[in-house]
PDB file of all heavy atoms in Angstrom:
ATOM      1  N   THR A   1     -55.846 -11.236  16.528  1.00  0.00           N
ATOM      2  CA  THR A   1     -56.559 -12.201  17.360  1.00  0.00           C
ATOM      3  C   THR A   1     -57.911 -12.515  16.739  1.00  0.00           C
ATOM      4  O   THR A   1     -58.695 -11.603  16.459  1.00  0.00           O
ATOM      5  CB  THR A   1     -56.795 -11.639  18.777  1.00  0.00           C
ATOM      6  OG1 THR A   1     -55.531 -11.415  19.406  1.00  0.00           O
ATOM      7  CG2 THR A   1     -57.607 -12.619  19.623  1.00  0.00           C
ATOM      8  N   VAL A   2     -58.177 -13.795  16.479  1.00  0.00           N
ATOM      9  CA  VAL A   2     -59.529 -14.205  16.116  1.00  0.00           C
ATOM     10  C   VAL A   2     -60.300 -14.269  17.429  1.00  0.00           C
ATOM     11  O   VAL A   2     -60.196 -15.219  18.202  1.00  0.00           O
ATOM     12  CB  VAL A   2     -59.536 -15.549  15.386  1.00  0.00           C
ATOM     13  CG1 VAL A   2     -60.968 -15.962  15.042  1.00  0.00           C
ATOM     14  CG2 VAL A   2     -58.704 -15.466  14.108  1.00  0.00           C
ATOM     15  N   ALA A   3     -61.070 -13.217  17.715  1.00  0.00           N
ATOM     16  CA  ALA A   3     -61.613 -13.002  19.053  1.00  0.00           C
ATOM     17  C   ALA A   3     -63.006 -13.569  19.253  1.00  0.00           C
ATOM     18  O   ALA A   3     -63.536 -13.507  20.362  1.00  0.00           O
ATOM     19  CB  ALA A   3     -61.617 -11.501  19.361  1.00  0.00           C
ATOM     20  N   GLY A   4     -63.603 -14.114  18.214  1.00  0.00           N
ATOM     21  CA  GLY A   4     -64.931 -14.683  18.387  1.00  0.00           C
ATOM     22  C   GLY A   4     -65.565 -14.976  17.053  1.00  0.00           C
ATOM     23  O   GLY A   4     -64.966 -14.777  15.989  1.00  0.00           O
ATOM     24  N   GLY A   5     -66.798 -15.479  17.110  1.00  0.00           N
ATOM     25  CA  GLY A   5     -67.497 -15.773  15.874  1.00  0.00           C
ATOM     26  C   GLY A   5     -68.721 -16.632  16.103  1.00  0.00           C
ATOM     27  O   GLY A   5     -69.255 -16.724  17.211  1.00  0.00           O
ATOM     28  N   ASP A   6     -69.141 -17.283  15.039  1.00  0.00           N
ATOM     29  CA  ASP A   6     -70.333 -18.117  15.091  1.00  0.00           C
ATOM     30  C   ASP A   6     -70.214 -19.156  13.989  1.00  0.00           C
ATOM     31  O   ASP A   6     -69.444 -18.982  13.026  1.00  0.00           O
ATOM     32  CB  ASP A   6     -71.587 -17.255  14.871  1.00  0.00           C
ATOM     33  CG  ASP A   6     -72.873 -17.983  15.245  1.00  0.00           C
ATOM     34  OD1 ASP A   6     -72.790 -19.031  15.919  1.00  0.00           O
ATOM     35  OD2 ASP A   6     -73.945 -17.500  14.863  1.00  0.00           O
ATOM     36  N   LEU A   7     -70.962 -20.254  14.134  1.00  0.00           N
ATOM     37  CA  LEU A   7     -71.021 -21.234  13.060  1.00  0.00           C
ATOM     38  C   LEU A   7     -72.420 -21.787  12.940  1.00  0.00           C
ATOM     39  O   LEU A   7     -73.201 -21.775  13.880  1.00  0.00           O
ATOM     40  CB  LEU A   7     -69.987 -22.340  13.247  1.00  0.00           C
ATOM     41  CG  LEU A   7     -70.016 -23.228  14.490  1.00  0.00           C
ATOM     42  CD1 LEU A   7     -70.976 -24.391  14.301  1.00  0.00           C
ATOM     43  CD2 LEU A   7     -68.626 -23.772  14.751  1.00  0.00           C
ATOM     44  N   SER A   8     -72.711 -22.249  11.719  1.00  0.00           N
ATOM     45  CA  SER A   8     -74.041 -22.744  11.404  1.00  0.00           C
ATOM     46  C   SER A   8     -73.930 -23.734  10.256  1.00  0.00           C
ATOM     47  O   SER A   8     -72.948 -23.718   9.496  1.00  0.00           O
ATOM     48  CB  SER A   8     -74.955 -21.583  10.994  1.00  0.00           C
ATOM     49  OG  SER A   8     -76.202 -22.041  10.523  1.00  0.00           O
ATOM     50  N   SER A   9     -74.934 -24.582  10.115  1.00  0.00           N
ATOM     51  CA  SER A   9     -75.032 -25.372   8.904  1.00  0.00           C
ATOM     52  C   SER A   9     -75.489 -24.463   7.769  1.00  0.00           C
ATOM     53  O   SER A   9     -76.119 -23.421   7.999  1.00  0.00           O
ATOM     54  CB  SER A   9     -76.026 -26.522   9.093  1.00  0.00           C
ATOM     55  OG  SER A   9     -77.315 -26.022   9.409  1.00  0.00           O
ATOM     56  N   ALA A  10     -75.137 -24.837   6.529  1.00  0.00           N
ATOM     57  CA  ALA A  10     -75.455 -23.992   5.381  1.00  0.00           C
ATOM     58  C   ALA A  10     -75.501 -24.860   4.132  1.00  0.00           C
ATOM     59  O   ALA A  10     -74.903 -25.939   4.097  1.00  0.00           O
ATOM     60  CB  ALA A  10     -74.415 -22.889   5.230  1.00  0.00           C
ATOM     61  N   PRO A  11     -76.194 -24.403   3.090  1.00  0.00           N
ATOM     62  CA  PRO A  11     -76.250 -25.185   1.854  1.00  0.00           C
ATOM     63  C   PRO A  11     -74.930 -25.205   1.095  1.00  0.00           C
ATOM     64  O   PRO A  11     -74.702 -26.072   0.257  1.00  0.00           O
ATOM     65  CB  PRO A  11     -77.351 -24.490   1.045  1.00  0.00           C
ATOM     66  CG  PRO A  11     -77.424 -23.121   1.608  1.00  0.00           C
ATOM     67  CD  PRO A  11     -77.095 -23.243   3.062  1.00  0.00           C
ATOM     68  N   ALA A  12     -74.046 -24.241   1.355  1.00  0.00           N
ATOM     69  CA  ALA A  12     -72.725 -24.182   0.732  1.00  0.00           C
ATOM     70  C   ALA A  12     -71.768 -23.566   1.744  1.00  0.00           C
ATOM     71  O   ALA A  12     -72.184 -22.823   2.642  1.00  0.00           O
ATOM     72  CB  ALA A  12     -72.751 -23.359  -0.549  1.00  0.00           C
ATOM     73  N   LEU A  13     -70.496 -23.867   1.602  1.00  0.00           N
ATOM     74  CA  LEU A  13     -69.504 -23.317   2.521  1.00  0.00           C
ATOM     75  C   LEU A  13     -69.376 -21.811   2.320  1.00  0.00           C
ATOM     76  O   LEU A  13     -69.237 -21.336   1.193  1.00  0.00           O
ATOM     77  CB  LEU A  13     -68.146 -23.972   2.278  1.00  0.00           C
ATOM     78  CG  LEU A  13     -66.981 -23.470   3.133  1.00  0.00           C
ATOM     79  CD1 LEU A  13     -67.214 -23.762   4.614  1.00  0.00           C
ATOM     80  CD2 LEU A  13     -65.663 -24.103   2.676  1.00  0.00           C
ATOM     81  N   PHE A  14     -69.480 -21.071   3.416  1.00  0.00           N
ATOM     82  CA  PHE A  14     -69.158 -19.645   3.351  1.00  0.00           C
ATOM     83  C   PHE A  14     -68.399 -19.245   4.601  1.00  0.00           C
ATOM     84  O   PHE A  14     -68.522 -19.857   5.659  1.00  0.00           O
ATOM     85  CB  PHE A  14     -70.410 -18.777   3.178  1.00  0.00           C
ATOM     86  CG  PHE A  14     -71.272 -18.637   4.405  1.00  0.00           C
ATOM     87  CD1 PHE A  14     -70.954 -17.715   5.400  1.00  0.00           C
ATOM     88  CD2 PHE A  14     -72.405 -19.415   4.561  1.00  0.00           C
ATOM     89  CE1 PHE A  14     -71.753 -17.585   6.534  1.00  0.00           C
ATOM     90  CE2 PHE A  14     -73.211 -19.286   5.687  1.00  0.00           C
ATOM     91  CZ  PHE A  14     -72.877 -18.373   6.677  1.00  0.00           C
ATOM     92  N   VAL A  15     -67.575 -18.210   4.456  1.00  0.00           N
ATOM     93  CA  VAL A  15     -66.816 -17.647   5.570  1.00  0.00           C
ATOM     94  C   VAL A  15     -67.004 -16.135   5.539  1.00  0.00           C
ATOM     95  O   VAL A  15     -66.646 -15.486   4.553  1.00  0.00           O
ATOM     96  CB  VAL A  15     -65.315 -17.975   5.485  1.00  0.00           C
ATOM     97  CG1 VAL A  15     -64.595 -17.516   6.748  1.00  0.00           C
ATOM     98  CG2 VAL A  15     -65.086 -19.457   5.236  1.00  0.00           C
ATOM     99  N   ALA A  16     -67.610 -15.593   6.578  1.00  0.00           N
ATOM    100  CA  ALA A  16     -67.772 -14.144   6.715  1.00  0.00           C
ATOM    101  C   ALA A  16     -66.796 -13.663   7.784  1.00  0.00           C
ATOM    102  O   ALA A  16     -66.773 -14.197   8.895  1.00  0.00           O
ATOM    103  CB  ALA A  16     -69.199 -13.784   7.095  1.00  0.00           C
ATOM    104  N   VAL A  17     -65.993 -12.678   7.456  1.00  0.00           N
ATOM    105  CA  VAL A  17     -64.943 -12.191   8.352  1.00  0.00           C
ATOM    106  C   VAL A  17     -65.136 -10.703   8.606  1.00  0.00           C
ATOM    107  O   VAL A  17     -65.179  -9.910   7.660  1.00  0.00           O
ATOM    108  CB  VAL A  17     -63.540 -12.424   7.753  1.00  0.00           C
ATOM    109  CG1 VAL A  17     -62.462 -11.966   8.744  1.00  0.00           C
ATOM    110  CG2 VAL A  17     -63.337 -13.883   7.374  1.00  0.00           C
ATOM    111  N   THR A  18     -65.260 -10.336   9.859  1.00  0.00           N
ATOM    112  CA  THR A  18     -65.235  -8.930  10.263  1.00  0.00           C
ATOM    113  C   THR A  18     -63.900  -8.658  10.925  1.00  0.00           C
ATOM    114  O   THR A  18     -63.501  -9.382  11.838  1.00  0.00           O
ATOM    115  CB  THR A  18     -66.372  -8.611  11.243  1.00  0.00           C
ATOM    116  OG1 THR A  18     -67.623  -8.866  10.604  1.00  0.00           O
ATOM    117  CG2 THR A  18     -66.327  -7.151  11.677  1.00  0.00           C
ATOM    118  N   VAL A  19     -63.189  -7.657  10.454  1.00  0.00           N
ATOM    119  CA  VAL A  19     -61.898  -7.296  11.041  1.00  0.00           C
ATOM    120  C   VAL A  19     -61.978  -5.891  11.613  1.00  0.00           C
ATOM    121  O   VAL A  19     -62.677  -5.022  11.082  1.00  0.00           O
ATOM    122  CB  VAL A  19     -60.751  -7.374  10.013  1.00  0.00           C
ATOM    123  CG1 VAL A  19     -60.425  -8.824   9.669  1.00  0.00           C
ATOM    124  CG2 VAL A  19     -61.071  -6.590   8.752  1.00  0.00           C
ATOM    125  N   VAL A  20     -61.264  -5.693  12.688  1.00  0.00           N
ATOM    126  CA  VAL A  20     -61.180  -4.380  13.328  1.00  0.00           C
ATOM    127  C   VAL A  20     -59.715  -3.975  13.399  1.00  0.00           C
ATOM    128  O   VAL A  20     -58.874  -4.726  13.910  1.00  0.00           O
ATOM    129  CB  VAL A  20     -61.785  -4.401  14.745  1.00  0.00           C
ATOM    130  CG1 VAL A  20     -61.694  -3.009  15.377  1.00  0.00           C
ATOM    131  CG2 VAL A  20     -63.236  -4.868  14.701  1.00  0.00           C
ATOM    132  N   GLY A  21     -59.415  -2.819  12.849  1.00  0.00           N
ATOM    133  CA  GLY A  21     -58.075  -2.252  12.950  1.00  0.00           C
ATOM    134  C   GLY A  21     -58.117  -1.005  13.816  1.00  0.00           C
ATOM    135  O   GLY A  21     -59.191  -0.534  14.214  1.00  0.00           O
ATOM    136  N   TRP A  22     -56.934  -0.460  14.076  1.00  0.00           N
ATOM    137  CA  TRP A  22     -56.841   0.659  15.001  1.00  0.00           C
ATOM    138  C   TRP A  22     -55.851   1.702  14.505  1.00  0.00           C
ATOM    139  O   TRP A  22     -54.882   1.388  13.810  1.00  0.00           O
ATOM    140  CB  TRP A  22     -56.411   0.156  16.395  1.00  0.00           C
ATOM    141  CG  TRP A  22     -57.368  -0.824  16.979  1.00  0.00           C
ATOM    142  CD1 TRP A  22     -57.321  -2.195  16.872  1.00  0.00           C
ATOM    143  CD2 TRP A  22     -58.546  -0.522  17.729  1.00  0.00           C
ATOM    144  NE1 TRP A  22     -58.398  -2.756  17.513  1.00  0.00           N
ATOM    145  CE2 TRP A  22     -59.167  -1.757  18.051  1.00  0.00           C
ATOM    146  CE3 TRP A  22     -59.142   0.660  18.170  1.00  0.00           C
ATOM    147  CZ2 TRP A  22     -60.340  -1.831  18.795  1.00  0.00           C
ATOM    148  CZ3 TRP A  22     -60.308   0.594  18.903  1.00  0.00           C
ATOM    149  CH2 TRP A  22     -60.893  -0.647  19.211  1.00  0.00           C
ATOM    150  N   ALA A  23     -56.120   2.935  14.865  1.00  0.00           N
ATOM    151  CA  ALA A  23     -55.194   4.039  14.625  1.00  0.00           C
ATOM    152  C   ALA A  23     -55.331   5.022  15.779  1.00  0.00           C
ATOM    153  O   ALA A  23     -56.405   5.130  16.382  1.00  0.00           O
ATOM    154  CB  ALA A  23     -55.480   4.733  13.303  1.00  0.00           C
ATOM    155  N   ALA A  24     -54.251   5.719  16.081  1.00  0.00           N
ATOM    156  CA  ALA A  24     -54.288   6.669  17.197  1.00  0.00           C
ATOM    157  C   ALA A  24     -55.267   7.803  16.925  1.00  0.00           C
ATOM    158  O   ALA A  24     -55.936   8.292  17.836  1.00  0.00           O
ATOM    159  CB  ALA A  24     -52.893   7.221  17.466  1.00  0.00           C
ATOM    160  N   LYS A  25     -55.380   8.211  15.660  1.00  0.00           N
ATOM    161  CA  LYS A  25     -56.308   9.278  15.303  1.00  0.00           C
ATOM    162  C   LYS A  25     -56.695   9.130  13.838  1.00  0.00           C
ATOM    163  O   LYS A  25     -55.982   8.495  13.040  1.00  0.00           O
ATOM    164  CB  LYS A  25     -55.711  10.655  15.554  1.00  0.00           C
ATOM    165  CG  LYS A  25     -54.366  10.883  14.881  1.00  0.00           C
ATOM    166  CD  LYS A  25     -53.767  12.202  15.304  1.00  0.00           C
ATOM    167  CE  LYS A  25     -52.385  12.406  14.667  1.00  0.00           C
ATOM    168  NZ  LYS A  25     -51.793  13.696  15.086  1.00  0.00           N
ATOM    169  N   GLU A  26     -57.810   9.732  13.459  1.00  0.00           N
ATOM    170  CA  GLU A  26     -58.327   9.591  12.103  1.00  0.00           C
ATOM    171  C   GLU A  26     -57.339  10.094  11.059  1.00  0.00           C
ATOM    172  O   GLU A  26     -57.231   9.533   9.962  1.00  0.00           O
ATOM    173  CB  GLU A  26     -59.657  10.343  11.967  1.00  0.00           C
ATOM    174  CG  GLU A  26     -60.308  10.167  10.603  1.00  0.00           C
ATOM    175  CD  GLU A  26     -61.562  10.992  10.436  1.00  0.00           C
ATOM    176  OE1 GLU A  26     -61.920  11.730  11.382  1.00  0.00           O
ATOM    177  OE2 GLU A  26     -62.178  10.914   9.351  1.00  0.00           O
ATOM    178  N   GLY A  27     -56.592  11.127  11.395  1.00  0.00           N
ATOM    179  CA  GLY A  27     -55.653  11.701  10.444  1.00  0.00           C
ATOM    180  C   GLY A  27     -54.538  10.774  10.014  1.00  0.00           C
ATOM    181  O   GLY A  27     -53.856  11.049   9.016  1.00  0.00           O
ATOM    182  N   GLN A  28     -54.338   9.672  10.716  1.00  0.00           N
ATOM    183  CA  GLN A  28     -53.312   8.705  10.325  1.00  0.00           C
ATOM    184  C   GLN A  28     -53.805   7.750   9.246  1.00  0.00           C
ATOM    185  O   GLN A  28     -53.012   6.991   8.694  1.00  0.00           O
ATOM    186  CB  GLN A  28     -52.853   7.907  11.552  1.00  0.00           C
ATOM    187  CG  GLN A  28     -52.117   8.732  12.587  1.00  0.00           C
ATOM    188  CD  GLN A  28     -51.722   7.900  13.803  1.00  0.00           C
ATOM    189  OE1 GLN A  28     -52.232   6.801  14.018  1.00  0.00           O
ATOM    190  NE2 GLN A  28     -50.807   8.430  14.600  1.00  0.00           N
ATOM    191  N   LEU A  29     -55.100   7.767   8.975  1.00  0.00           N
ATOM    192  CA  LEU A  29     -55.689   6.834   8.026  1.00  0.00           C
ATOM    193  C   LEU A  29     -55.777   7.454   6.633  1.00  0.00           C
ATOM    194  O   LEU A  29     -55.755   8.669   6.476  1.00  0.00           O
ATOM    195  CB  LEU A  29     -57.080   6.417   8.500  1.00  0.00           C
ATOM    196  CG  LEU A  29     -57.126   5.750   9.870  1.00  0.00           C
ATOM    197  CD1 LEU A  29     -58.569   5.589  10.334  1.00  0.00           C
ATOM    198  CD2 LEU A  29     -56.415   4.396   9.845  1.00  0.00           C
ATOM    199  N   VAL A  30     -55.887   6.588   5.638  1.00  0.00           N
ATOM    200  CA  VAL A  30     -56.005   7.032   4.249  1.00  0.00           C
ATOM    201  C   VAL A  30     -57.283   6.451   3.667  1.00  0.00           C
ATOM    202  O   VAL A  30     -57.517   5.236   3.754  1.00  0.00           O
ATOM    203  CB  VAL A  30     -54.803   6.572   3.407  1.00  0.00           C
ATOM    204  CG1 VAL A  30     -54.943   7.059   1.963  1.00  0.00           C
ATOM    205  CG2 VAL A  30     -53.493   7.059   4.014  1.00  0.00           C
ATOM    206  N   GLY A  31     -58.119   7.296   3.056  1.00  0.00           N
ATOM    207  CA  GLY A  31     -59.341   6.830   2.420  1.00  0.00           C
ATOM    208  C   GLY A  31     -59.203   6.771   0.910  1.00  0.00           C
ATOM    209  O   GLY A  31     -58.141   7.044   0.344  1.00  0.00           O
ATOM    210  N   ARG A  32     -60.298   6.456   0.253  1.00  0.00           N
ATOM    211  CA  ARG A  32     -60.326   6.422  -1.209  1.00  0.00           C
ATOM    212  C   ARG A  32     -60.539   7.809  -1.808  1.00  0.00           C
ATOM    213  O   ARG A  32     -60.366   7.990  -3.024  1.00  0.00           O
ATOM    214  CB  ARG A  32     -61.449   5.513  -1.701  1.00  0.00           C
ATOM    215  CG  ARG A  32     -61.310   4.061  -1.313  1.00  0.00           C
ATOM    216  CD  ARG A  32     -62.487   3.265  -1.881  1.00  0.00           C
ATOM    217  NE  ARG A  32     -62.404   1.850  -1.539  1.00  0.00           N
ATOM    218  CZ  ARG A  32     -63.247   0.914  -1.981  1.00  0.00           C
ATOM    219  NH1 ARG A  32     -64.256   1.279  -2.770  1.00  0.00           N
ATOM    220  NH2 ARG A  32     -63.107  -0.346  -1.639  1.00  0.00           N
ATOM    221  N   ASP A  33     -60.918   8.776  -0.994  1.00  0.00           N
ATOM    222  CA  ASP A  33     -61.409  10.051  -1.518  1.00  0.00           C
ATOM    223  C   ASP A  33     -60.361  11.151  -1.588  1.00  0.00           C
ATOM    224  O   ASP A  33     -60.700  12.304  -1.823  1.00  0.00           O
ATOM    225  CB  ASP A  33     -62.583  10.536  -0.672  1.00  0.00           C
ATOM    226  CG  ASP A  33     -62.224  10.682   0.807  1.00  0.00           C
ATOM    227  OD1 ASP A  33     -61.114  10.265   1.196  1.00  0.00           O
ATOM    228  OD2 ASP A  33     -63.059  11.202   1.569  1.00  0.00           O
ATOM    229  N   GLY A  34     -59.082  10.822  -1.428  1.00  0.00           N
ATOM    230  CA  GLY A  34     -58.070  11.870  -1.342  1.00  0.00           C
ATOM    231  C   GLY A  34     -57.300  12.150  -2.615  1.00  0.00           C
ATOM    232  O   GLY A  34     -56.340  12.929  -2.600  1.00  0.00           O
ATOM    233  N   ALA A  35     -57.658  11.523  -3.729  1.00  0.00           N
ATOM    234  CA  ALA A  35     -56.946  11.802  -4.980  1.00  0.00           C
ATOM    235  C   ALA A  35     -57.206  13.231  -5.431  1.00  0.00           C
ATOM    236  O   ALA A  35     -58.342  13.704  -5.378  1.00  0.00           O
ATOM    237  CB  ALA A  35     -57.386  10.819  -6.068  1.00  0.00           C
ATOM    238  N   HIS A  36     -56.172  13.938  -5.883  1.00  0.00           N
ATOM    239  CA  HIS A  36     -56.334  15.325  -6.316  1.00  0.00           C
ATOM    240  C   HIS A  36     -55.514  15.573  -7.575  1.00  0.00           C
ATOM    241  O   HIS A  36     -54.523  14.875  -7.846  1.00  0.00           O
ATOM    242  CB  HIS A  36     -55.905  16.292  -5.209  1.00  0.00           C
ATOM    243  CG  HIS A  36     -54.521  16.043  -4.697  1.00  0.00           C
ATOM    244  ND1 HIS A  36     -53.398  16.513  -5.333  1.00  0.00           N
ATOM    245  CD2 HIS A  36     -54.085  15.344  -3.614  1.00  0.00           C
ATOM    246  CE1 HIS A  36     -52.320  16.135  -4.642  1.00  0.00           C
ATOM    247  NE2 HIS A  36     -52.708  15.422  -3.622  1.00  0.00           N
ATOM    248  N   ALA A  37     -55.938  16.544  -8.342  1.00  0.00           N
ATOM    249  CA  ALA A  37     -55.264  16.860  -9.597  1.00  0.00           C
ATOM    250  C   ALA A  37     -53.791  17.144  -9.360  1.00  0.00           C
ATOM    251  O   ALA A  37     -53.425  17.843  -8.417  1.00  0.00           O
ATOM    252  CB  ALA A  37     -55.941  18.055 -10.269  1.00  0.00           C
ATOM    253  N   GLY A  38     -52.940  16.571 -10.204  1.00  0.00           N
ATOM    254  CA  GLY A  38     -51.506  16.743 -10.091  1.00  0.00           C
ATOM    255  C   GLY A  38     -50.808  15.595  -9.398  1.00  0.00           C
ATOM    256  O   GLY A  38     -49.577  15.480  -9.481  1.00  0.00           O
ATOM    257  N   ALA A  39     -51.576  14.735  -8.712  1.00  0.00           N
ATOM    258  CA  ALA A  39     -50.973  13.594  -8.028  1.00  0.00           C
ATOM    259  C   ALA A  39     -50.612  12.503  -9.033  1.00  0.00           C
ATOM    260  O   ALA A  39     -51.113  12.457 -10.155  1.00  0.00           O
ATOM    261  CB  ALA A  39     -51.932  13.042  -6.976  1.00  0.00           C
ATOM    262  N   LEU A  40     -49.738  11.608  -8.595  1.00  0.00           N
ATOM    263  CA  LEU A  40     -49.347  10.447  -9.398  1.00  0.00           C
ATOM    264  C   LEU A  40     -50.019   9.205  -8.851  1.00  0.00           C
ATOM    265  O   LEU A  40     -50.343   9.121  -7.661  1.00  0.00           O
ATOM    266  CB  LEU A  40     -47.826  10.276  -9.374  1.00  0.00           C
ATOM    267  CG  LEU A  40     -46.998  11.464  -9.885  1.00  0.00           C
ATOM    268  CD1 LEU A  40     -45.512  11.151  -9.779  1.00  0.00           C
ATOM    269  CD2 LEU A  40     -47.380  11.820 -11.316  1.00  0.00           C
TER     270      LEU A  40
END
């Protein structure tokens, strides 16, 4: 759902997008910091 936003005049076209996702708990998510020796 595009749930809201704002608009303005500007010297050049820009689009700023904030997205919100959801998970039941943090443990279901994957970050960038989990690589470990031996992984592929």
